[in-house]
Protein backbone atom coordinates (compact mmCIF):
# COMPACT_ATOMS: atom_id res chain seq x y z
CA MET A 1 13.22 19.11 -15.97
CA SER A 2 11.48 16.63 -18.25
CA ASP A 3 9.52 13.71 -16.84
CA SER A 4 12.17 11.32 -18.24
CA GLU A 5 14.83 12.93 -16.04
CA ILE A 6 12.99 12.53 -12.73
CA THR A 7 14.83 10.42 -10.15
CA PRO A 8 13.26 7.89 -7.80
CA ALA A 9 13.97 10.26 -4.87
CA GLU A 10 12.12 13.07 -6.65
CA ILE A 11 9.22 10.73 -7.38
CA GLY A 12 9.03 9.86 -3.69
CA ARG A 13 9.19 13.50 -2.56
CA THR A 14 6.47 14.46 -5.00
CA LEU A 15 4.16 11.61 -3.96
CA LEU A 16 4.70 12.29 -0.24
CA ASN A 17 4.03 16.01 -0.82
CA ILE A 18 0.76 15.17 -2.61
CA ALA A 19 -0.28 12.98 0.34
CA TRP A 20 0.63 15.62 2.94
CA GLU A 21 -1.06 18.43 1.03
CA THR A 22 -4.21 16.31 0.59
CA LEU A 23 -4.44 15.61 4.32
CA SER A 24 -3.61 19.18 5.29
CA ALA A 25 -6.38 20.57 3.06
CA ASP A 26 -8.89 17.93 4.27
CA LEU A 27 -8.12 18.87 7.88
CA GLY A 28 -8.77 22.55 7.26
CA GLY A 29 -5.54 23.82 5.72
CA GLU A 30 -5.24 25.78 2.51
CA PRO A 31 -5.62 23.76 -0.71
CA VAL A 32 -2.42 23.67 -2.75
CA PRO A 33 -2.37 23.19 -6.54
CA LEU A 34 -1.13 19.75 -7.45
CA PRO A 35 1.79 19.19 -9.82
CA ASP A 36 0.71 18.35 -13.36
CA ALA A 37 3.66 16.28 -14.55
CA VAL A 38 2.87 13.78 -17.27
CA TRP A 39 4.04 10.81 -15.14
CA LEU A 40 1.43 11.72 -12.47
CA GLN A 41 -1.31 11.26 -15.10
CA GLU A 42 -0.27 7.67 -15.88
CA LYS A 43 -2.62 5.02 -14.49
CA ARG A 44 -0.87 3.37 -11.55
CA ALA A 45 -1.88 1.44 -8.42
CA SER A 46 -0.74 2.71 -5.04
CA PHE A 47 -1.09 2.29 -1.32
CA VAL A 48 -0.88 4.96 1.36
CA THR A 49 0.09 3.92 4.89
CA LEU A 50 -0.29 6.26 7.84
CA ARG A 51 1.52 5.71 11.12
CA ARG A 52 1.29 7.57 14.41
CA GLY A 53 4.01 6.99 16.97
CA GLY A 54 5.26 4.12 14.82
CA GLU A 55 1.88 2.33 15.04
CA LEU A 56 -0.37 1.72 12.07
CA ARG A 57 -3.07 4.44 11.82
CA GLY A 58 -4.51 3.59 8.41
CA CYS A 59 -3.58 1.79 5.21
CA ILE A 60 -5.64 1.76 2.01
CA GLY A 61 -4.75 1.21 -1.59
CA THR A 62 -5.66 -0.12 -4.97
CA MET A 63 -4.47 -3.39 -6.41
CA SER A 64 -4.71 -2.50 -10.10
CA ALA A 65 -4.20 0.67 -12.03
CA HIS A 66 -7.50 2.32 -12.98
CA ARG A 67 -6.99 6.06 -12.53
CA PRO A 68 -4.17 8.61 -12.82
CA LEU A 69 -1.49 8.22 -10.14
CA VAL A 70 -2.11 11.69 -8.63
CA GLU A 71 -5.80 10.82 -8.14
CA ASP A 72 -4.96 7.37 -6.78
CA ILE A 73 -2.58 8.78 -4.19
CA ARG A 74 -5.09 11.43 -3.09
CA ALA A 75 -8.02 8.98 -2.89
CA ASN A 76 -5.98 6.36 -1.01
CA CYS A 77 -4.59 8.99 1.39
CA ARG A 78 -8.10 10.20 2.23
CA ALA A 79 -9.37 6.63 2.59
CA ALA A 80 -6.47 5.69 4.90
CA ALA A 81 -7.09 8.78 7.03
CA PHE A 82 -10.87 8.83 7.13
CA GLY A 83 -12.19 5.51 5.84
CA ASP A 84 -10.05 2.63 7.12
CA PRO A 85 -12.64 0.59 9.03
CA ARG A 86 -10.02 -0.47 11.62
CA PHE A 87 -9.63 3.10 12.90
CA PRO A 88 -11.74 6.17 13.69
CA PRO A 89 -11.36 9.09 11.26
CA LEU A 90 -8.14 11.05 11.61
CA GLN A 91 -8.46 14.15 13.81
CA PRO A 92 -6.57 17.42 13.30
CA ARG A 93 -4.70 16.92 16.60
CA GLU A 94 -3.13 13.73 15.19
CA PHE A 95 -1.69 15.44 12.11
CA GLU A 96 1.48 16.63 13.82
CA ASP A 97 2.54 13.12 14.97
CA LEU A 98 1.75 11.44 11.67
CA SER A 99 4.11 9.78 9.22
CA ILE A 100 3.21 8.73 5.70
CA GLU A 101 4.48 6.01 3.39
CA VAL A 102 3.45 5.79 -0.26
CA SER A 103 3.92 2.63 -2.29
CA LEU A 104 3.65 2.12 -6.04
CA LEU A 105 2.61 -1.41 -7.03
CA SER A 106 3.80 -3.44 -9.95
CA ALA A 107 1.28 -5.38 -12.03
CA LEU A 108 -0.19 -8.45 -10.34
CA GLU A 109 1.48 -11.73 -11.30
CA PRO A 110 -0.62 -14.92 -10.99
CA MET A 111 1.14 -17.67 -9.06
CA GLU A 112 0.85 -21.36 -9.98
CA PHE A 113 1.42 -23.97 -7.26
CA GLU A 114 0.51 -27.57 -6.57
CA SER A 115 0.23 -27.30 -2.78
CA GLU A 116 0.72 -24.95 0.11
CA GLU A 117 4.29 -26.22 0.47
CA ASP A 118 4.94 -25.45 -3.20
CA LEU A 119 3.54 -21.93 -2.73
CA LEU A 120 5.66 -21.35 0.37
CA ARG A 121 8.81 -22.39 -1.55
CA GLN A 122 8.05 -19.81 -4.24
CA LEU A 123 7.57 -16.83 -1.88
CA ARG A 124 10.32 -14.21 -1.81
CA PRO A 125 10.44 -12.77 1.74
CA GLY A 126 10.91 -9.01 1.74
CA VAL A 127 10.12 -8.80 -1.98
CA ASP A 128 6.64 -10.18 -2.63
CA GLY A 129 3.39 -8.55 -1.74
CA LEU A 130 0.54 -11.05 -1.95
CA LEU A 131 -3.10 -10.77 -2.89
CA LEU A 132 -5.11 -13.78 -1.71
CA GLU A 133 -8.67 -14.46 -2.94
CA HIS A 134 -11.10 -17.30 -2.39
CA GLY A 135 -14.78 -16.73 -3.07
CA PHE A 136 -15.77 -13.56 -1.26
CA HIS A 137 -12.63 -13.62 0.89
CA ARG A 138 -9.86 -11.23 -0.07
CA GLY A 139 -6.75 -9.85 1.61
CA THR A 140 -3.38 -8.43 0.77
CA PHE A 141 -0.08 -7.83 2.52
CA LEU A 142 2.41 -5.33 1.12
CA PRO A 143 6.04 -6.48 0.98
CA ALA A 144 6.74 -4.25 4.04
CA VAL A 145 4.75 -6.72 6.17
CA TRP A 146 7.66 -9.18 5.91
CA ARG A 147 9.45 -6.94 8.45
CA THR A 148 6.98 -8.06 11.13
CA LEU A 149 6.17 -11.51 9.69
CA PRO A 150 9.49 -12.71 8.23
CA GLU A 151 8.69 -16.44 8.12
CA PRO A 152 6.77 -17.46 4.95
CA ARG A 153 4.35 -19.85 6.69
CA HIS A 154 3.41 -17.22 9.30
CA PHE A 155 3.11 -14.54 6.59
CA LEU A 156 0.69 -16.72 4.62
CA SER A 157 -1.37 -17.89 7.60
CA SER A 158 -1.69 -14.27 8.83
CA LEU A 159 -2.82 -13.22 5.34
CA LYS A 160 -5.48 -15.95 5.38
CA LEU A 161 -6.75 -14.60 8.72
CA LYS A 162 -6.83 -11.07 7.31
CA ALA A 163 -8.92 -12.37 4.40
CA GLY A 164 -11.38 -13.92 6.88
CA LEU A 165 -10.25 -17.51 6.36
CA PRO A 166 -8.89 -19.94 8.98
CA GLU A 167 -5.09 -19.83 9.15
CA ASP A 168 -4.86 -23.49 8.16
CA PHE A 169 -7.30 -23.09 5.23
CA TRP A 170 -6.30 -24.67 1.94
CA SER A 171 -8.13 -25.16 -1.34
CA PRO A 172 -6.97 -25.88 -4.90
CA ASP A 173 -9.19 -22.89 -5.90
CA LEU A 174 -7.13 -20.44 -3.84
CA ASP A 175 -6.11 -17.53 -6.06
CA ILE A 176 -2.75 -15.96 -5.10
CA ARG A 177 -1.08 -13.19 -7.07
CA ARG A 178 2.16 -11.49 -6.20
CA TYR A 179 3.44 -7.99 -6.79
CA THR A 180 6.33 -5.79 -5.79
CA THR A 181 6.36 -2.22 -4.56
CA ARG A 182 8.56 0.81 -4.63
CA SER A 183 7.97 2.73 -1.39
CA TRP A 184 8.91 6.07 0.11
CA SER A 185 8.40 7.23 3.67
CA ASP A 186 8.73 10.68 5.14
CA VAL A 187 10.50 9.07 8.09
CA GLU A 188 13.23 7.75 5.78
CA ALA A 189 13.39 11.14 4.07
CA GLY A 190 13.91 12.87 7.39
CA GLY A 191 10.30 13.95 7.34
């Protein structure tokens, strides 16, 4: 099959397999050769989210494409498992109860707004991921976060808190960029 014939479902299976094989090898399993398809060598930004028992266990990603997709998935998978500062490193005993979600990000799109109300009107719940930056403060929420924070004002105030800002913070210098994702989960795939 040529790369141009690959379906979204096959992309998802391939990316999930790369993530699983990366974790398995890092936890003492046998290394498996990675696929070498041309599309995996394209520079893409991704996030890898780990859950255990339905609860977040790690989530790390890149906001802009700077390395081949296969390398980005592997690095983000390792970082989510062993380097997310919110959690201790993943242990082999946790592997069995783990679920993985991989997300491919679109390019970042700068948003222009006159006020917080204007920004809130522009948000697309369930569609937009947001990257918020102000000075040294930075935070992002993937579009999947809308499932737990469906109201735009709460979504934005929670993102400010994640970035280390007060939830009622506002500044005309606030930099907000949006993006979309295409995501695959082993839970959805029957994983």
